[in-house]
Amino acid sequence: MEIKLGYSKAFFTLNIANENLSDLILPVKPSGEKSESEIIAESLANPIGTGTIKDIILPDDKVAVITSDITRPVPSWRILPFVLDEIKGCGVADENIVIVFALGSHRAHTEEEKIKLVGEDIYNRYTCIDSDPADCLLMGKTGAGTEVSITRAVAAATKRICIGNIEYHYFAGYSGGAKAIMPGCSTRNAIQNNHRKMTMENARAAVVENNPVRDDLEEAIGFCPIDFILNVVLDESKNIIGAVCGHFIKAHRKGCEMLDAVYSVKIEEKADIVIASQGGYPKDINLYQLQKALDNAKNAVKDGGTIILIGTCHEGFGESLFEQWMLSGDSPGKLIERIQENFQLGAHKSAAIAMVMEMADIYLVSEMSPDTVRKIHMTPFESVQAAYDNALEKYGKNAKVIVMPYGGSTLPILNQG
């Protein structure tokens, strides 16, 4: 069998015997042919756990509409017109509406990027600003000690509407929901305190119940309430295939179910070898991004197995602190201990990779230098076929293999019966 695996703007072709292939994990195409406009409009008219926007917003409200920054795939420019029309229908003046880009710990936008995110008409009509970690109001503290310090424009609003997308998140369970405000509009210290729980049990993809990271950020919303969310589910081409509106937990959970129906795939058993591509450009430009596919792949590999990770990484590591920690020479166990003792954003992904290394070998097919790859405790290969042939020799001709062409999006779930 020949399988194509995305690599930058091209692909590798893998030849694999049918008897070795346990599963080929692909997204499930949803049924139905509704347009994006129909999906959004229907969701807005049928919110979950709240009234509609017109039931919630009053004419004299000061409304903050929080949406994602440029690093996220949310098509804000296609969603915002629907939300803003609803708000305007409530009689709110333009000057009482602010659109806030939730930066989290990311860099500020250029004005051109802001225009790209919302479109020229919206940019020219409304105030569009980045969240500002240097100008936050302390609104409370969670039981876990996370300060709910929220950017002033959001904290001072009388109503808050959050826009986002739902995808798997390797320690918060899923993106979306409360994450727009915490950590999206908070301070670096608050984010670090929340994210340091990433090594705890249940802090993993597709888990929201008793997930310590998710519990903490949702508790934070008690101090800075979200009045309404609109979260979308996207296909691999970033088209909207599902949407949920309403309560920041109830609607979010329904959206998680939508995501699972498309991207969660049951497997009957774990494999000796798991081959995971991030899907090509732009998702495989650096190792920081490639980690997403690795973290999903860990759910499909046996203890002591091998994960073949595929991505050009032509920009290298992708984050300076992450690079420093990865090249520190520390063993995987030491990296995990280090992040538990001294949590630092950026470096946290090195600990996430180390947690996978403790259970499986990692072969990396990339453009990174072989010496660099070996320094980070991975085995370098120039092609997927060469990596696979080496792994097959290690485990024998009866080895079982799972292939994930869209490893960053699809999540293997072991069938428990």
Protein backbone atom coordinates (compact mmCIF):
# COMPACT_ATOMS: atom_id res chain seq x y z
CA MET A 1 0.00 0.00 0.00
CA GLU A 2 1.20 3.51 -0.83
CA ILE A 3 0.40 6.31 1.62
CA LYS A 4 1.14 9.98 0.98
CA LEU A 5 2.31 12.05 3.95
CA GLY A 6 2.49 15.85 3.83
CA TYR A 7 5.94 17.40 4.06
CA SER A 8 6.07 21.19 3.57
CA LYS A 9 4.26 21.85 0.27
CA ALA A 10 5.05 18.38 -1.06
CA PHE A 11 4.79 14.89 0.37
CA PHE A 12 6.59 11.62 1.04
CA THR A 13 5.25 8.33 -0.29
CA LEU A 14 5.40 5.42 2.15
CA ASN A 15 5.22 1.82 0.97
CA ILE A 16 3.86 -0.49 3.63
CA ALA A 17 2.62 -4.09 3.53
CA ASN A 18 -1.12 -4.41 4.16
CA GLU A 19 -0.53 -7.01 6.87
CA ASN A 20 1.51 -4.52 8.89
CA LEU A 21 -0.98 -1.66 8.70
CA SER A 22 -3.31 -1.71 11.70
CA ASP A 23 -4.94 1.68 11.14
CA LEU A 24 -4.82 4.64 8.77
CA ILE A 25 -6.21 7.48 10.88
CA LEU A 26 -8.02 10.15 8.88
CA PRO A 27 -10.62 12.78 9.79
CA VAL A 28 -14.23 11.75 9.25
CA LYS A 29 -15.94 14.01 6.72
CA PRO A 30 -19.14 15.32 8.32
CA SER A 31 -22.42 14.75 6.53
CA GLY A 32 -24.51 17.65 5.27
CA GLU A 33 -23.82 20.49 2.89
CA LYS A 34 -24.73 23.61 4.85
CA SER A 35 -22.79 26.75 4.02
CA GLU A 36 -20.66 28.50 6.65
CA SER A 37 -23.25 31.28 6.82
CA GLU A 38 -26.03 28.79 7.48
CA ILE A 39 -23.97 27.02 10.16
CA ILE A 40 -23.18 30.25 12.01
CA ALA A 41 -26.68 31.72 11.70
CA GLU A 42 -28.34 28.52 12.90
CA SER A 43 -26.00 28.34 15.88
CA LEU A 44 -26.61 31.98 16.86
CA ALA A 45 -30.37 31.38 16.72
CA ASN A 46 -30.13 28.27 18.93
CA PRO A 47 -27.67 28.98 21.77
CA ILE A 48 -26.93 26.33 24.39
CA GLY A 49 -27.41 27.29 28.02
CA THR A 50 -28.08 31.00 27.45
CA GLY A 51 -30.44 33.28 25.61
CA THR A 52 -29.51 34.77 22.26
CA ILE A 53 -27.22 37.78 22.00
CA LYS A 54 -30.31 39.97 21.64
CA ASP A 55 -31.63 38.52 24.90
CA ILE A 56 -28.36 39.30 26.70
CA ILE A 57 -27.06 42.64 25.42
CA LEU A 58 -28.62 45.97 26.48
CA PRO A 59 -28.35 49.23 24.47
CA ASP A 60 -26.09 50.92 27.03
CA ASP A 61 -23.73 47.94 27.49
CA LYS A 62 -20.02 48.27 26.82
CA VAL A 63 -19.27 45.10 24.86
CA ALA A 64 -15.90 43.37 24.48
CA VAL A 65 -15.73 40.84 21.65
CA ILE A 66 -12.69 38.65 22.25
CA THR A 67 -11.22 36.69 19.36
CA SER A 68 -8.01 34.78 18.67
CA ASP A 69 -4.68 36.16 17.53
CA ILE A 70 -2.85 35.60 14.25
CA THR A 71 -1.25 32.33 15.44
CA ARG A 72 -4.63 30.59 15.63
CA PRO A 73 -6.71 29.28 12.71
CA VAL A 74 -9.95 31.06 13.70
CA PRO A 75 -11.45 32.76 10.60
CA SER A 76 -12.51 35.82 12.60
CA TRP A 77 -13.18 37.91 9.49
CA ARG A 78 -15.89 35.43 8.46
CA ILE A 79 -17.46 35.11 11.93
CA LEU A 80 -17.39 38.67 13.31
CA PRO A 81 -19.92 40.18 10.89
CA PHE A 82 -22.63 37.85 12.22
CA VAL A 83 -21.81 38.62 15.85
CA LEU A 84 -21.52 42.36 15.31
CA ASP A 85 -24.85 42.45 13.45
CA GLU A 86 -26.48 40.80 16.47
CA ILE A 87 -24.89 43.32 18.86
CA LYS A 88 -25.87 46.26 16.67
CA GLY A 89 -29.41 44.91 16.63
CA CYS A 90 -29.45 45.45 20.39
CA GLY A 91 -28.92 49.20 19.90
CA VAL A 92 -25.30 49.34 21.05
CA ALA A 93 -23.31 52.27 19.63
CA ASP A 94 -20.14 51.52 17.67
CA GLU A 95 -17.99 53.36 20.21
CA ASN A 96 -19.20 50.99 22.94
CA ILE A 97 -17.92 47.91 21.10
CA VAL A 98 -14.28 46.86 21.27
CA ILE A 99 -12.70 43.88 19.52
CA VAL A 100 -9.85 42.40 21.55
CA PHE A 101 -7.29 39.99 20.14
CA ALA A 102 -6.38 37.43 22.82
CA LEU A 103 -2.59 37.31 22.67
CA GLY A 104 -1.94 35.11 25.70
CA SER A 105 1.86 35.02 25.81
CA HIS A 106 2.30 35.77 22.10
CA ARG A 107 3.73 38.91 20.49
CA ALA A 108 1.68 41.97 19.59
CA HIS A 109 0.13 42.29 16.13
CA THR A 110 1.07 44.68 13.40
CA GLU A 111 -1.80 46.85 12.15
CA GLU A 112 -1.73 44.86 8.90
CA GLU A 113 -2.27 41.65 10.86
CA LYS A 114 -5.22 43.17 12.69
CA ILE A 115 -6.79 44.10 9.36
CA LYS A 116 -6.21 40.56 8.10
CA LEU A 117 -7.94 39.12 11.16
CA VAL A 118 -11.10 41.24 10.98
CA GLY A 119 -11.26 42.70 7.47
CA GLU A 120 -10.93 46.36 6.51
CA ASP A 121 -14.57 47.32 7.07
CA ILE A 122 -14.63 46.10 10.67
CA TYR A 123 -11.13 47.46 11.37
CA ASN A 124 -12.15 50.93 10.18
CA ARG A 125 -15.49 50.93 12.00
CA TYR A 126 -14.61 49.52 15.43
CA THR A 127 -11.81 49.80 17.97
CA CYS A 128 -9.57 46.74 17.45
CA ILE A 129 -6.83 46.22 20.04
CA ASP A 130 -4.48 43.57 21.39
CA SER A 131 -4.85 42.31 24.92
CA ASP A 132 -2.19 44.01 27.04
CA PRO A 133 -0.50 41.99 29.80
CA ALA A 134 1.02 45.21 31.14
CA ASP A 135 -2.41 46.78 31.69
CA CYS A 136 -4.52 44.25 33.58
CA LEU A 137 -6.95 44.43 36.46
CA LEU A 138 -6.74 41.89 39.28
CA MET A 139 -10.23 40.45 39.62
CA GLY A 140 -9.62 37.53 41.97
CA LYS A 141 -7.62 34.38 42.52
CA THR A 142 -8.53 30.74 41.88
CA GLY A 143 -8.26 28.01 44.48
CA ALA A 144 -5.07 26.86 42.78
CA GLY A 145 -3.55 30.31 43.25
CA THR A 146 -3.87 31.60 39.70
CA GLU A 147 -4.36 35.37 39.69
CA VAL A 148 -7.28 36.37 37.49
CA SER A 149 -5.56 39.45 36.07
CA ILE A 150 -7.42 40.43 32.90
CA THR A 151 -6.58 43.06 30.29
CA ARG A 152 -8.40 46.29 31.11
CA ALA A 153 -10.57 46.51 27.99
CA VAL A 154 -12.06 43.10 28.78
CA ALA A 155 -12.23 43.54 32.56
CA ALA A 156 -14.04 46.88 32.24
CA ALA A 157 -16.67 45.65 29.77
CA THR A 158 -20.22 45.07 30.99
CA LYS A 159 -20.71 42.20 28.52
CA ARG A 160 -18.16 39.79 27.04
CA ILE A 161 -18.55 37.64 23.93
CA CYS A 162 -15.80 35.17 23.05
CA ILE A 163 -15.05 33.79 19.59
CA GLY A 164 -12.73 30.85 19.02
CA ASN A 165 -12.23 27.44 17.49
CA ILE A 166 -12.23 24.04 19.14
CA GLU A 167 -9.38 21.63 18.53
CA TYR A 168 -7.46 19.22 20.71
CA HIS A 169 -5.12 20.77 23.25
CA TYR A 170 -2.43 18.56 24.67
CA PHE A 171 -2.95 19.52 28.32
CA ALA A 172 -6.13 21.65 28.52
CA GLY A 173 -8.15 18.95 26.75
CA TYR A 174 -9.51 21.21 24.03
CA SER A 175 -9.05 24.79 22.89
CA GLY A 176 -11.97 27.21 22.94
CA GLY A 177 -14.47 28.15 25.65
CA ALA A 178 -12.94 29.89 28.65
CA LYS A 179 -9.46 29.92 27.11
CA ALA A 180 -10.29 33.13 25.22
CA ILE A 181 -10.05 35.09 28.48
CA MET A 182 -7.88 32.82 30.62
CA PRO A 183 -5.15 32.57 29.42
CA GLY A 184 -5.98 34.58 26.28
CA CYS A 185 -6.34 38.00 27.95
CA SER A 186 -4.24 37.51 31.07
CA THR A 187 -0.69 37.99 32.32
CA ARG A 188 2.36 35.80 31.82
CA ASN A 189 2.48 34.97 35.55
CA ALA A 190 -1.15 33.83 35.53
CA ILE A 191 -0.58 31.74 32.43
CA GLN A 192 2.48 30.10 33.94
CA ASN A 193 0.64 29.26 37.14
CA ASN A 194 -2.17 27.63 35.17
CA HIS A 195 0.07 25.82 32.70
CA ARG A 196 2.43 24.39 35.31
CA LYS A 197 -0.29 21.78 35.95
CA MET A 198 0.41 20.25 32.53
CA THR A 199 2.37 17.32 34.01
CA MET A 200 -0.49 16.32 36.34
CA GLU A 201 -2.76 13.35 35.73
CA ASN A 202 -5.72 14.09 33.42
CA ALA A 203 -4.00 17.14 31.92
CA ARG A 204 -4.17 15.72 28.40
CA ALA A 205 -5.93 15.95 25.09
CA ALA A 206 -9.70 15.24 24.93
CA VAL A 207 -10.06 15.26 28.73
CA VAL A 208 -12.11 18.06 30.32
CA GLU A 209 -13.58 16.38 33.39
CA ASN A 210 -11.20 16.63 36.36
CA ASN A 211 -8.54 18.15 34.13
CA PRO A 212 -6.58 20.42 36.53
CA VAL A 213 -5.65 22.92 33.81
CA ARG A 214 -9.19 23.21 32.43
CA ASP A 215 -10.73 23.31 35.91
CA ASP A 216 -8.48 26.21 36.91
CA LEU A 217 -9.14 28.35 33.83
CA GLU A 218 -12.90 27.75 34.03
CA GLU A 219 -12.89 28.68 37.71
CA ALA A 220 -11.23 31.95 36.69
CA ILE A 221 -14.29 32.90 34.64
CA GLY A 222 -16.24 33.20 37.87
CA PHE A 223 -14.30 36.45 38.45
CA CYS A 224 -14.55 37.71 34.86
CA PRO A 225 -17.76 36.24 33.43
CA ILE A 226 -18.21 35.30 29.79
CA ASP A 227 -21.75 36.13 28.66
CA PHE A 228 -21.71 34.28 25.33
CA ILE A 229 -19.36 32.21 23.17
CA LEU A 230 -19.30 31.34 19.50
CA ASN A 231 -16.89 28.48 18.88
CA VAL A 232 -16.37 26.77 15.54
CA VAL A 233 -15.00 23.43 14.38
CA LEU A 234 -12.83 23.57 11.24
CA ASP A 235 -11.89 21.01 8.63
CA GLU A 236 -8.32 20.53 7.38
CA SER A 237 -8.78 23.39 4.90
CA LYS A 238 -9.95 25.73 7.71
CA ASN A 239 -13.55 25.73 6.51
CA ILE A 240 -16.23 25.96 9.20
CA ILE A 241 -18.02 22.62 9.49
CA GLY A 242 -19.69 23.14 12.87
CA ALA A 243 -20.50 25.90 15.37
CA VAL A 244 -21.82 26.21 18.91
CA CYS A 245 -23.08 29.26 20.77
CA GLY A 246 -24.10 30.13 24.30
CA HIS A 247 -22.75 29.20 27.73
CA PHE A 248 -18.96 29.04 27.98
CA ILE A 249 -19.04 25.51 29.41
CA LYS A 250 -22.28 23.95 28.16
CA ALA A 251 -21.89 25.10 24.56
CA HIS A 252 -18.16 24.39 24.63
CA ARG A 253 -18.74 20.78 25.65
CA LYS A 254 -21.19 20.31 22.78
CA GLY A 255 -18.53 21.69 20.47
CA CYS A 256 -16.03 19.19 21.86
CA GLU A 257 -18.46 16.42 20.92
CA MET A 258 -18.62 17.84 17.38
CA LEU A 259 -14.83 17.81 17.18
CA ASP A 260 -14.64 14.23 18.46
CA ALA A 261 -17.09 13.08 15.77
CA VAL A 262 -14.68 14.32 13.09
CA TYR A 263 -11.18 13.93 14.52
CA SER A 264 -11.33 11.28 17.26
CA VAL A 265 -10.69 7.79 15.89
CA LYS A 266 -11.09 4.55 17.86
CA ILE A 267 -8.26 2.03 17.60
CA GLU A 268 -8.47 -1.58 18.75
CA GLU A 269 -4.86 -1.83 19.91
CA LYS A 270 -1.73 0.26 20.13
CA ALA A 271 1.02 -0.24 17.55
CA ASP A 272 4.74 -0.97 17.63
CA ILE A 273 5.30 1.85 15.12
CA VAL A 274 3.28 5.05 14.72
CA ILE A 275 3.98 7.31 11.75
CA ALA A 276 2.69 10.87 12.18
CA SER A 277 2.88 13.83 9.82
CA GLN A 278 1.75 17.30 10.89
CA GLY A 279 0.12 17.53 7.45
CA GLY A 280 2.65 19.76 5.72
CA TYR A 281 3.01 23.53 5.41
CA PRO A 282 2.49 25.71 7.41
CA LYS A 283 1.99 23.29 10.30
CA ASP A 284 5.43 21.70 10.02
CA ILE A 285 7.62 24.80 9.80
CA ASN A 286 9.29 24.17 13.19
CA LEU A 287 9.58 21.61 15.95
CA TYR A 288 7.45 23.75 18.29
CA GLN A 289 4.51 23.19 15.93
CA LEU A 290 5.40 19.57 15.19
CA GLN A 291 4.98 18.72 18.86
CA LYS A 292 1.19 18.67 18.34
CA ALA A 293 1.41 15.63 16.07
CA LEU A 294 3.82 13.92 18.45
CA ASP A 295 1.52 14.39 21.41
CA ASN A 296 -1.45 12.89 19.55
CA ALA A 297 0.66 10.02 18.26
CA LYS A 298 1.65 8.99 21.80
CA ASN A 299 -1.91 7.74 22.29
CA ALA A 300 -1.41 5.10 19.59
CA VAL A 301 2.05 3.70 20.37
CA LYS A 302 2.92 0.81 22.68
CA ASP A 303 5.27 1.39 25.57
CA GLY A 304 8.73 0.78 24.13
CA GLY A 305 7.50 1.45 20.59
CA THR A 306 8.68 3.99 18.03
CA ILE A 307 7.05 7.18 16.72
CA ILE A 308 8.20 8.42 13.31
CA LEU A 309 7.56 12.17 13.31
CA ILE A 310 7.45 13.98 9.96
CA GLY A 311 7.91 17.71 9.30
CA THR A 312 10.48 19.91 7.62
CA CYS A 313 11.24 22.12 10.64
CA HIS A 314 12.95 24.42 8.12
CA GLU A 315 12.69 27.22 10.71
CA GLY A 316 14.36 25.04 13.32
CA PHE A 317 12.94 24.90 16.82
CA GLY A 318 10.58 27.85 16.48
CA GLU A 319 10.94 29.30 20.00
CA SER A 320 14.13 30.39 21.73
CA LEU A 321 13.51 29.09 25.25
CA PHE A 322 12.16 25.81 23.87
CA GLU A 323 15.37 25.49 21.84
CA GLN A 324 17.56 26.18 24.87
CA TRP A 325 15.86 23.53 26.95
CA MET A 326 15.80 20.95 24.15
CA LEU A 327 19.53 21.43 23.56
CA SER A 328 20.41 21.42 27.27
CA GLY A 329 21.49 17.80 27.14
CA ASP A 330 19.20 16.89 30.02
CA SER A 331 17.62 13.46 29.91
CA PRO A 332 13.83 13.33 29.37
CA GLY A 333 13.32 12.64 33.06
CA LYS A 334 15.42 15.66 34.02
CA LEU A 335 13.46 17.91 31.67
CA ILE A 336 10.20 16.85 33.30
CA GLU A 337 11.60 17.48 36.78
CA ARG A 338 12.93 20.85 35.64
CA ILE A 339 9.56 22.08 34.35
CA GLN A 340 7.86 20.94 37.56
CA GLU A 341 10.35 22.93 39.63
CA ASN A 342 10.65 25.96 37.35
CA PHE A 343 7.78 26.24 34.89
CA GLN A 344 8.50 28.56 31.98
CA LEU A 345 6.33 29.26 28.96
CA GLY A 346 8.01 28.13 25.77
CA ALA A 347 10.13 25.61 27.62
CA HIS A 348 6.98 23.70 28.59
CA LYS A 349 6.83 22.01 25.19
CA SER A 350 10.24 20.46 25.81
CA ALA A 351 8.76 18.76 28.86
CA ALA A 352 5.77 17.59 26.81
CA ILE A 353 8.16 16.00 24.31
CA ALA A 354 10.19 14.49 27.15
CA MET A 355 7.06 12.83 28.51
CA VAL A 356 6.65 11.05 25.15
CA MET A 357 10.33 10.11 25.06
CA GLU A 358 9.93 8.26 28.34
CA MET A 359 7.53 5.83 26.68
CA ALA A 360 8.78 5.58 23.07
CA ASP A 361 11.72 6.22 20.73
CA ILE A 362 11.30 9.15 18.34
CA TYR A 363 12.58 9.10 14.77
CA LEU A 364 12.52 12.58 13.21
CA VAL A 365 12.23 13.06 9.44
CA SER A 366 13.11 16.72 8.92
CA GLU A 367 15.55 19.25 7.49
CA MET A 368 17.24 19.75 10.86
CA SER A 369 20.88 18.72 11.03
CA PRO A 370 21.42 15.12 12.15
CA ASP A 371 23.75 16.27 14.94
CA THR A 372 21.09 18.62 16.32
CA VAL A 373 18.45 15.89 16.20
CA ARG A 374 20.70 13.50 18.10
CA LYS A 375 21.41 16.19 20.74
CA ILE A 376 17.68 16.33 21.50
CA HIS A 377 17.53 12.54 22.00
CA MET A 378 15.83 11.75 18.67
CA THR A 379 17.07 9.68 15.70
CA PRO A 380 17.38 11.60 12.39
CA PHE A 381 16.25 10.30 9.00
CA GLU A 382 16.07 11.91 5.56
CA SER A 383 12.99 10.03 4.37
CA VAL A 384 9.92 8.36 5.85
CA GLN A 385 10.64 5.12 4.02
CA ALA A 386 14.15 4.89 5.49
CA ALA A 387 12.81 5.55 8.99
CA TYR A 388 10.05 2.98 8.57
CA ASP A 389 12.37 0.33 7.17
CA ASN A 390 14.70 0.83 10.15
CA ALA A 391 11.84 0.54 12.64
CA LEU A 392 10.45 -2.53 10.89
CA GLU A 393 13.81 -4.21 11.20
CA LYS A 394 13.80 -3.41 14.92
CA TYR A 395 10.36 -4.90 15.62
CA GLY A 396 10.28 -7.67 13.01
CA LYS A 397 8.13 -8.47 10.00
CA ASN A 398 4.99 -8.89 12.13
CA ALA A 399 5.18 -5.38 13.57
CA LYS A 400 1.91 -3.47 13.71
CA VAL A 401 1.82 0.06 12.33
CA ILE A 402 -0.56 3.02 12.65
CA VAL A 403 -0.26 5.91 10.19
CA MET A 404 -1.54 9.42 10.94
CA PRO A 405 -1.30 11.74 7.88
CA TYR A 406 -2.91 14.57 9.89
CA GLY A 407 -1.27 13.89 13.21
CA GLY A 408 -1.78 17.37 14.66
CA SER A 409 -5.56 17.17 14.25
CA THR A 410 -6.56 13.54 14.65
CA LEU A 411 -6.60 11.84 18.03
CA PRO A 412 -6.41 8.04 18.40
CA ILE A 413 -8.53 6.69 21.27
CA LEU A 414 -8.03 3.11 22.46
CA ASN A 415 -11.34 1.24 22.34
CA GLN A 416 -12.03 0.11 25.90
CA GLY A 417 -14.98 -2.03 24.79
